[in-house]
Structure formats: structure tokens, C-alpha cells
Protein backbone atom coordinates (compact mmCIF):
# COMPACT_ATOMS: atom_id res chain seq x y z
CA MET A 1 15.91 -8.39 -27.27
CA GLU A 2 14.87 -9.40 -30.69
CA GLU A 3 12.07 -11.40 -29.21
CA ALA A 4 11.01 -8.39 -27.20
CA GLN A 5 11.00 -6.13 -30.34
CA GLN A 6 8.60 -8.94 -32.04
CA MET A 7 6.16 -8.60 -29.01
CA ALA A 8 3.81 -5.67 -28.08
CA ILE A 9 5.98 -3.95 -25.51
CA PRO A 10 3.62 -2.52 -22.82
CA HIS A 11 4.03 1.19 -22.47
CA LEU A 12 5.11 0.88 -18.95
CA PHE A 13 8.04 -1.00 -20.00
CA ARG A 14 9.09 1.41 -22.79
CA CYS A 15 11.63 4.35 -22.08
CA PRO A 16 9.84 7.41 -22.61
CA ILE A 17 12.84 8.92 -24.25
CA SER A 18 13.89 6.21 -26.78
CA LEU A 19 10.62 4.29 -26.78
CA ASP A 20 12.69 1.15 -26.61
CA LEU A 21 12.26 -1.57 -24.02
CA ILE A 22 13.94 -0.43 -20.53
CA THR A 23 17.07 -2.40 -19.91
CA ASP A 24 18.26 -0.59 -16.79
CA PRO A 25 15.29 1.25 -15.15
CA VAL A 26 15.97 4.39 -12.85
CA THR A 27 13.57 6.43 -11.35
CA LEU A 28 13.99 10.47 -10.91
CA CYS A 29 12.65 12.51 -8.20
CA THR A 30 9.62 13.33 -10.24
CA GLY A 31 8.71 9.62 -9.88
CA GLN A 32 9.16 9.06 -13.59
CA THR A 33 11.20 5.90 -14.58
CA TYR A 34 13.69 5.77 -17.61
CA ASP A 35 16.30 3.60 -19.06
CA ARG A 36 19.44 4.65 -17.61
CA SER A 37 21.34 5.27 -20.68
CA SER A 38 18.50 7.43 -22.06
CA ILE A 39 18.22 9.75 -19.02
CA GLU A 40 22.08 10.18 -18.49
CA LYS A 41 22.31 11.41 -22.31
CA TRP A 42 19.26 13.74 -21.58
CA LEU A 43 21.18 15.29 -18.45
CA ALA A 44 24.59 15.30 -20.19
CA ALA A 45 23.08 17.54 -22.82
CA GLY A 46 22.27 20.23 -20.00
CA ASN A 47 18.64 19.48 -19.75
CA LEU A 48 17.56 20.07 -16.26
CA THR A 49 13.89 18.90 -16.26
CA CYS A 50 12.10 15.68 -16.39
CA PRO A 51 11.45 14.80 -20.14
CA VAL A 52 7.80 13.55 -19.24
CA THR A 53 6.56 16.29 -16.88
CA MET A 54 8.84 18.89 -17.74
CA GLN A 55 9.28 19.65 -14.25
CA LYS A 56 12.44 21.54 -13.20
CA LEU A 57 14.73 18.95 -11.53
CA HIS A 58 15.66 20.19 -8.01
CA ASP A 59 17.66 16.88 -7.67
CA PRO A 60 18.89 15.38 -10.91
CA SER A 61 20.15 12.06 -9.16
CA PHE A 62 18.10 8.89 -9.69
CA VAL A 63 17.77 5.59 -8.02
CA PRO A 64 17.42 1.99 -9.54
CA ASN A 65 14.09 0.65 -9.94
CA HIS A 66 14.49 -3.02 -9.08
CA THR A 67 10.87 -3.60 -8.94
CA LEU A 68 10.28 -2.54 -12.77
CA ARG A 69 13.59 -4.58 -13.68
CA HIS A 70 11.98 -7.83 -12.00
CA LEU A 71 8.84 -7.32 -13.87
CA ILE A 72 10.26 -6.73 -17.22
CA ARG A 73 12.58 -9.93 -16.84
CA GLN A 74 9.50 -11.97 -15.72
CA TRP A 75 7.51 -10.50 -18.88
CA LEU A 76 10.50 -11.55 -21.04
CA LEU A 77 10.68 -15.01 -19.50
CA MET A 78 6.72 -15.51 -20.11
CA GLY A 79 6.95 -14.20 -23.60
CA GLY A 80 4.89 -11.38 -22.81
CA ARG A 81 1.79 -13.36 -22.81
CA HIS A 82 0.63 -12.99 -19.04
CA PHE A 83 1.37 -9.35 -18.50
CA ASP A 84 -1.61 -7.20 -16.98
CA PRO A 85 -0.60 -3.46 -17.63
CA ASP A 86 -2.90 -2.59 -14.65
CA TYR A 87 -0.59 -4.72 -12.36
CA LEU A 88 2.14 -2.01 -12.17
CA THR A 89 0.97 0.65 -9.64
CA LYS A 90 2.38 3.66 -7.94
CA ALA A 91 3.49 1.07 -5.21
CA ASP A 92 5.48 -0.96 -7.86
CA ILE A 93 7.07 2.34 -8.98
CA PHE A 94 8.05 3.54 -5.44
CA SER A 95 8.85 0.31 -3.89
CA PRO A 96 12.48 0.45 -5.07
CA LEU A 97 12.79 3.47 -2.59
CA LYS A 98 11.90 1.21 0.18
CA HIS A 99 14.09 -1.56 -0.90
CA ASN A 100 17.14 0.83 -1.13
CA LEU A 101 16.52 1.90 2.61
CA GLU A 102 16.09 -1.63 3.82
CA SER A 103 18.67 -3.35 1.99
CA GLN A 104 22.03 -4.02 3.90
CA GLU A 105 23.96 -3.79 0.70
CA THR A 106 22.79 -0.17 -0.01
CA THR A 107 25.40 2.38 0.48
CA MET A 108 24.85 5.48 2.64
CA LYS A 109 25.32 7.43 -0.61
CA THR A 110 22.55 5.62 -2.27
CA LYS A 111 20.39 5.89 0.93
CA LEU A 112 20.80 9.66 1.08
CA LYS A 113 19.63 9.85 -2.57
CA THR A 114 17.13 7.75 -1.84
CA LEU A 115 15.79 9.98 0.98
CA GLU A 116 16.18 13.12 -1.14
CA THR A 117 13.87 11.54 -3.67
CA ALA A 118 11.33 10.50 -1.13
CA ASN A 119 11.16 13.87 0.44
CA LEU A 120 10.32 15.32 -3.06
CA LEU A 121 7.85 12.89 -3.81
CA LEU A 122 6.10 13.38 -0.50
CA VAL A 123 5.09 16.62 -1.69
CA LYS A 124 2.65 14.87 -4.05
CA GLU A 125 2.35 11.20 -2.94
CA PRO A 126 2.51 11.14 1.02
CA SER A 127 -0.23 8.44 0.87
CA CYS A 128 1.45 6.02 -1.29
CA LEU A 129 4.77 6.10 0.77
CA LEU A 130 2.68 5.78 3.92
CA GLN A 131 0.96 2.55 2.44
CA LEU A 132 4.34 1.06 1.68
CA GLY A 133 5.55 1.33 5.35
CA PHE A 134 7.94 4.06 5.01
CA LEU A 135 7.10 5.85 8.42
CA PRO A 136 7.87 2.69 10.71
CA LEU A 137 10.82 1.87 8.44
CA LEU A 138 12.26 5.28 8.90
CA LEU A 139 11.69 5.36 12.68
CA ASN A 140 13.41 1.93 13.19
CA GLN A 141 16.29 3.27 11.08
CA LEU A 142 16.59 6.50 12.98
CA PHE A 143 16.25 4.95 16.60
CA GLY A 144 16.93 1.24 16.15
CA LYS A 145 20.33 1.11 16.69
CA ALA A 146 23.04 3.48 18.39
CA GLU A 147 25.71 5.07 16.52
CA SER A 148 29.14 5.14 18.11
CA GLY A 149 29.90 8.34 16.26
CA LEU A 150 27.91 10.82 13.58
CA SER A 151 29.85 11.02 10.36
CA GLN A 152 28.93 13.59 7.87
CA ASP A 153 27.01 10.99 5.85
CA HIS A 154 25.22 9.75 9.16
CA THR A 155 24.34 13.33 10.07
CA MET A 156 22.82 14.11 6.46
CA PHE A 157 20.92 10.65 6.75
CA PHE A 158 19.38 11.50 10.06
CA GLN A 159 18.51 15.20 8.73
CA GLU A 160 16.71 13.84 5.75
CA SER A 161 15.29 10.88 7.50
CA LEU A 162 13.57 13.29 10.14
CA LEU A 163 12.51 15.75 7.31
CA CYS A 164 10.67 12.60 5.81
CA VAL A 165 9.15 11.47 9.14
CA SER A 166 7.86 15.17 9.83
CA ARG A 167 5.97 14.97 6.26
CA LEU A 168 4.78 11.48 6.95
CA LEU A 169 3.17 12.32 10.25
CA LEU A 170 -0.08 13.11 8.89
CA PRO A 171 -3.24 13.00 11.42
CA GLY A 172 -3.87 9.35 12.27
CA GLN A 173 -0.30 8.35 12.09
CA PHE A 174 1.01 9.47 15.60
CA LYS A 175 0.77 6.01 17.14
CA CYS A 176 3.77 4.80 15.06
CA LEU A 177 5.83 7.12 17.39
CA ASN A 178 5.14 4.78 20.34
CA ILE A 179 8.07 2.55 19.41
CA LEU A 180 9.97 5.24 21.26
CA ILE A 181 8.40 3.78 24.41
CA GLU A 182 10.93 0.91 24.07
CA ASP A 183 14.00 1.61 26.32
CA SER A 184 16.72 1.05 23.65
CA LYS A 185 14.88 3.22 21.01
CA LEU A 186 14.07 6.04 23.83
CA GLU A 187 17.86 5.76 24.77
CA ASN A 188 18.91 6.17 20.90
CA PHE A 189 16.35 9.17 20.39
CA ILE A 190 18.01 11.02 23.60
CA SER A 191 21.57 10.38 22.37
CA LEU A 192 20.75 11.78 19.04
CA PHE A 193 19.16 14.86 20.75
CA GLU A 194 22.26 15.22 22.74
CA ARG A 195 24.75 14.80 19.93
CA GLY A 196 23.07 16.03 16.82
CA ASN A 197 23.64 19.20 15.06
CA GLY A 198 21.32 22.22 15.01
CA LYS A 199 19.08 20.67 12.22
CA ILE A 200 18.74 17.54 14.05
CA LYS A 201 17.97 19.25 17.28
CA ARG A 202 15.31 21.39 15.63
CA SER A 203 13.67 18.33 13.84
CA LEU A 204 13.68 16.52 17.14
CA CYS A 205 11.97 19.37 19.06
CA HIS A 206 9.40 19.30 16.48
CA LEU A 207 8.98 15.64 17.03
CA ILE A 208 8.48 16.15 20.85
CA ASP A 209 5.93 18.95 20.32
CA LEU A 210 3.98 16.58 17.90
CA ILE A 211 4.24 13.69 20.35
CA SER A 212 2.83 16.17 23.26
CA SER A 213 -0.14 17.19 20.88
CA SER A 214 -1.56 13.61 20.42
CA PRO A 215 -3.56 11.69 22.86
CA GLU A 216 -2.29 8.58 20.99
CA THR A 217 1.28 9.39 22.57
CA LYS A 218 0.30 10.38 26.00
CA SER A 219 2.39 7.68 27.82
CA LEU A 220 5.36 8.65 25.51
CA CYS A 221 4.94 12.34 26.28
CA SER A 222 5.00 11.38 30.06
CA GLN A 223 8.25 9.57 29.44
CA LEU A 224 9.98 12.52 27.50
CA GLY A 225 8.76 15.03 30.16
CA LYS A 226 10.46 13.01 33.08
CA SER A 227 13.76 12.61 31.09
CA HIS A 228 16.31 15.00 32.97
CA ARG A 229 18.56 14.53 29.87
CA ILE A 230 15.81 15.49 27.43
CA LEU A 231 14.87 18.64 29.52
CA ALA A 232 18.37 19.56 29.86
CA VAL A 233 19.20 19.77 26.15
CA ILE A 234 15.77 21.88 25.70
CA MET A 235 16.80 24.24 28.43
CA LEU A 236 20.19 24.77 26.61
CA LEU A 237 18.58 25.44 23.49
CA ILE A 238 16.48 28.00 25.24
CA LEU A 239 19.22 29.57 27.16
CA GLN A 240 21.72 29.88 24.40
CA ASP A 241 19.49 32.45 22.70
CA SER A 242 20.15 31.30 19.17
CA GLU A 243 17.68 30.53 16.21
CA LEU A 244 17.00 27.10 18.40
CA SER A 245 15.41 28.92 21.27
CA ASP A 246 12.03 28.94 19.29
CA PRO A 247 11.88 25.13 18.63
CA GLY A 248 13.11 24.70 22.23
CA ILE A 249 10.23 26.94 23.64
CA GLN A 250 7.67 24.85 21.52
CA ALA A 251 9.11 21.53 22.65
CA LEU A 252 9.04 22.51 26.51
CA SER A 253 5.41 23.94 26.01
CA GLY A 254 4.42 20.65 24.41
CA LEU A 255 5.73 18.77 27.42
CA CYS A 256 4.23 21.09 29.93
CA SER A 257 0.65 20.18 28.31
CA LEU A 258 0.85 17.13 30.45
CA GLU A 259 0.02 18.06 34.13
CA SER A 260 2.10 15.15 35.38
CA ASN A 261 5.26 16.36 33.55
CA ARG A 262 5.14 19.85 35.30
CA GLU A 263 7.02 19.26 38.59
CA SER A 264 9.86 17.69 36.73
CA ILE A 265 10.08 20.37 34.10
CA ILE A 266 10.19 22.89 36.88
CA ARG A 267 13.08 21.04 38.56
CA SER A 268 14.88 21.17 35.20
CA GLY A 269 15.12 24.93 35.38
CA ALA A 270 12.04 25.72 33.20
CA ILE A 271 11.08 28.88 35.16
CA ASN A 272 14.43 30.34 34.41
CA GLY A 273 14.28 29.43 30.78
CA LEU A 274 10.82 30.71 30.21
CA ILE A 275 11.62 34.16 32.04
CA MET A 276 14.83 34.58 29.90
CA TYR A 277 13.05 33.94 26.75
CA ILE A 278 10.08 36.34 28.01
CA LEU A 279 12.71 39.20 28.74
CA LYS A 280 13.85 39.20 25.20
CA ALA A 281 10.23 39.06 23.86
CA GLU A 282 10.57 41.74 21.46
CA ARG A 283 12.91 39.61 19.43
CA ARG A 284 10.57 36.38 19.58
CA ARG A 285 7.71 35.51 17.31
CA LYS A 286 4.66 37.14 19.15
CA SER A 287 2.83 33.83 19.39
CA LEU A 288 5.93 31.97 21.08
CA ALA A 289 6.53 34.93 23.49
CA ALA A 290 2.61 34.57 24.60
CA MET A 291 3.21 30.64 24.70
CA ALA A 292 6.18 31.00 27.25
CA MET A 293 4.02 33.47 29.25
CA SER A 294 0.87 31.15 29.35
CA ARG A 295 3.20 28.26 30.51
CA VAL A 296 4.61 30.48 33.37
CA GLU A 297 0.83 31.11 34.50
CA GLN A 298 0.06 27.33 34.11
CA LEU A 299 3.22 26.23 36.28
CA LEU A 300 2.32 28.92 39.11
CA ALA A 301 -0.05 26.45 40.16
CA LEU A 302 2.71 24.74 42.02
CA GLU A 303 4.59 26.35 44.71
CA SER A 304 8.15 25.27 43.29
CA ALA A 305 7.21 27.28 40.22
CA LYS A 306 6.33 30.49 42.48
CA GLU A 307 9.62 30.15 44.20
CA GLY A 308 11.28 30.07 41.01
CA VAL A 309 9.95 33.28 39.60
CA LEU A 310 10.59 35.05 43.08
CA LYS A 311 14.31 33.88 43.24
CA HIS A 312 14.78 34.96 39.54
CA PRO A 313 16.28 38.74 39.74
CA ASN A 314 14.25 39.65 36.96
CA GLY A 315 11.19 37.41 37.36
CA VAL A 316 8.61 39.76 38.40
CA GLY A 317 10.04 42.36 35.93
CA ALA A 318 9.41 40.00 33.10
CA LEU A 319 5.70 39.51 33.85
CA VAL A 320 5.34 43.08 34.20
CA LYS A 321 6.84 43.72 30.71
CA MET A 322 4.40 41.34 29.17
CA VAL A 323 1.37 43.11 30.66
CA PHE A 324 1.46 45.60 27.73
CA ARG A 325 3.33 45.50 24.47
CA VAL A 326 2.66 48.26 22.09
CA SER A 327 2.88 45.77 18.94
CA ASP A 328 0.11 43.34 20.29
CA HIS A 329 -1.77 41.95 23.44
CA GLU A 330 -0.72 38.37 23.23
CA GLY A 331 0.19 37.14 26.53
CA SER A 332 -1.14 39.96 28.48
CA GLU A 333 -3.99 38.15 29.99
CA SER A 334 -1.55 35.38 31.20
CA ALA A 335 0.89 38.03 32.65
CA VAL A 336 -1.86 39.92 34.60
CA ASN A 337 -3.13 36.32 36.07
CA SER A 338 0.37 35.38 36.94
CA LEU A 339 0.88 38.90 38.80
CA MET A 340 -2.30 38.29 40.54
CA ILE A 341 -1.15 34.91 41.71
CA LEU A 342 2.14 36.18 42.90
CA CYS A 343 0.84 39.47 44.40
CA CYS A 344 -1.90 38.20 46.48
CA ASP A 345 0.09 37.07 49.32
CA SER A 346 3.14 38.89 48.96
CA LEU A 347 3.89 42.56 49.95
CA GLU A 348 7.35 42.13 48.27
CA VAL A 349 6.21 41.17 44.96
CA ARG A 350 3.51 43.90 44.96
CA GLU A 351 6.15 46.60 45.88
CA GLU A 352 8.55 45.00 43.13
CA ALA A 353 5.69 45.14 40.51
CA ILE A 354 4.54 48.67 41.49
CA GLY A 355 8.42 49.90 41.34
CA GLY A 356 8.48 47.97 37.88
CA GLY A 357 5.88 50.08 36.39
CA VAL A 358 3.21 47.66 36.52
CA LEU A 359 0.34 50.34 37.22
CA SER A 360 1.25 52.55 34.11
CA GLN A 361 1.27 49.14 32.16
CA LEU A 362 -2.30 48.28 33.31
CA LEU A 363 -3.63 51.63 32.51
CA LEU A 364 -2.25 51.66 29.13
CA LEU A 365 -3.60 48.04 28.67
CA LEU A 366 -7.17 49.22 29.66
CA GLN A 367 -6.89 52.03 27.09
CA SER A 368 -5.80 49.70 24.37
CA GLN A 369 -7.96 47.26 22.00
CA CYS A 370 -7.40 44.19 24.09
CA GLY A 371 -10.21 41.81 24.74
CA ASN A 372 -12.79 42.59 27.45
CA ARG A 373 -11.79 39.53 29.54
CA THR A 374 -8.19 40.80 29.68
CA LYS A 375 -9.53 44.46 30.67
CA THR A 376 -11.39 42.70 33.54
CA LYS A 377 -8.60 41.04 34.93
CA ALA A 378 -6.47 44.09 34.48
CA ARG A 379 -9.15 46.09 36.62
CA MET A 380 -8.88 43.16 39.35
CA LEU A 381 -5.18 43.62 39.45
CA LEU A 382 -5.19 47.22 39.50
CA LYS A 383 -7.90 47.40 42.32
CA MET A 384 -5.68 44.73 44.39
CA LEU A 385 -2.57 46.62 43.94
CA ARG A 386 -4.37 49.97 44.92
CA SER A 387 -6.33 48.46 48.05
CA LYS A 388 -3.30 46.60 49.34
CA TRP A 389 -1.08 49.74 48.67
CA ALA A 390 -3.70 51.71 50.85
CA GLU A 391 -4.06 49.17 53.47
CA GLU A 392 -0.43 48.94 54.03
CA ARG A 393 0.10 52.76 54.17
CA LYS A 394 -2.46 52.78 57.04
CA HIS A 395 -0.34 50.56 59.18
């Protein structure tokens, strides 16, 4: 230390609080590094901000900065002669976080703190963490090995990891998700989806939706859409009518986007789930109720979906309900198209639709501010129902 005092200490090796050489470097959630004893005194005095940035600390914990410790040790051994101050980059500062996650010796408590710090840093530094390989690392830690049981710490770890993954999945990064094509990793994904708590299920629904949205993960989307276990969990989320119904409907809608998935999705009970979701449309986010309606319309290209709607005691009634809603017209066109498909060849459906008030719904829709295409479809359905009704009265 006396030798170090005689050298010109690089500013990156000085503690911003004491201005002395850092002996035990630790990094806060803001990305700033301090000597452990100095920052502990700062926090113990009741300060809840980062001394350098003055940002409020949402998480006052810190993690050891092993990289900086190693660089300081090297600098001391070389007498300070060969140190390039430009050598220490953001990657050097953040790499201790990666080390903490990779190390077999790191405790679960430290891993959790590391993930919490990483999630805070991701708001400002996503590119740096991506360059360090955080995304494949987290995906491997999440799905690389099966857990016999989900302890509280493991549950928290999965929650924080999934939050981190969702923030790292920027455009161009979806290809990393193809590691789930491996049988063992897919099995661990499914197992976590089945056993995880509400937050984990919500995050995995979001992940399924992202997988379904990218052409880079089309094969993986196909595998997920044909897994009866995954579809069973999604159906359960939708039918429970809880706060998880919305992420469930988004995941189901995503998987429906791939045509080859649709038959297996129908066999899983999707028509029942979609209709039940639509029946409570006034309690749903408008866009999601409309999304559910558009998926029904899409699935009606298959005979099995038509049978599903007709067998449901409130199937036709749910479609009639979506024709016109006072608050908005999202989903109206899909509802009208769906009824046209079903009414075209079935007297029973036409009678049920008319008995359910579809004529007044269509007239209200025609008087509303909906789009011209929707009005054209509404006139076509109204004409069909009137002509069929008149024709059958003759007989």
C-alpha cells in the first residue's frame, strides 16, 4: 500500500468516496464501483443514493467486482508501469455480474442480488450485457437442468432471470431461444410452465408470444403449438378467469399464428377457452377481446372449430355479443365474418343468431362510426339472414 501511495493511482482504481486505492471493490446497481468499507459507511449513515450519480438506490445491495480486484492486483505487481487507463471498459465493470452467475461457488442469495442488479442496469446498458453473453447464459441457467423442487429462492431466481431475459430479447436476439428445441431444455421449459407460480407463468406466456412472433423461431413455435402439456396450461390460465387470462390469451393467439398448429390447438379445447374469454369481453382489455375474436374467425376455416362453436351452449351467443359493443368496434368485423361462415349452411345457427338479437346488433353497427369494410360485411350478413329467413318462411 505504501508503494501504491507513491505511484500515481489511476482514477479508475480510486474509491470515489475516500479517493484512496480500492482494496475490496464492490459494484452498486447503478454500475458505480466503490471500496466496500467506504460504501458501507455511506449507507450506514442513512444515505439512499449513489454517491457519484446521486441516483436513488432502489436496491442498496452490491456485488463483488472481481475483475477490478484482479486488475488492481496486476497493477500493483507491475509497479503501475504498464497500466492503460483505456483498458478498463464497461465490460470490465459488468463482467463480475456474469462471473457471479456462472460460478458454481456463488450462493443463491448472491445470484439473486446479481440478477436484481443486472435488471436495473438493463434499463440503461442492455447492449453491454448482450455483448457479454448474458442472454444465452440466462437461458441455459433457466432451462439447462431440471429442478426437483421449486424452493422460494429458486422461484425468485427464475422470476428475476425471466425478467432479465425479456429485457434482453431485443430485435435480432430471438435466435437464442432456439436452444429450447433441444428435448431436455424443452422438457425443463414445460416443467417450469406447469409448476411455476403466477409470475413465472406470466413471463413464460410472454416468452411464447415472442417466440411466435419471430420467423427465426418458427420451428420452435411449431413444437410449442403441438405440445399438449403447454396447451393444457394455457387453457387452464384462460379458463380460470384470473389476472393470468390475458397473458394466456396472448400466448394462445401467438401459437395460432402458425397454421400447422391450429388443429392441435383446437383439440386442446381452444374454442371453448376463446368463447369463455369473449363472453366476459367487457372485463377484458379491448384489444385482447378483439384478438380472441379474430382467432375464432381464423380457426373457423377448420371443420373441427365449427363443431366446437356449435357444441358450446353459448358459442353463437358469444359471437353475436361481439358484433356491436357500445365502447368500441374492435372485433366487430371478425364477429360478423364468423357468423357468416356459420350461418351460411346452417338454419339452426341462423335461428339461434336471430333469437340472440343479431339483427338489432347489425343495425346498431351500421349506424355506428365503424369502418366501411365492417359495414359492408354487416350488410352482407343482414341480407343473408333476411333472404334465408324469407326463403324458409315460404317453405
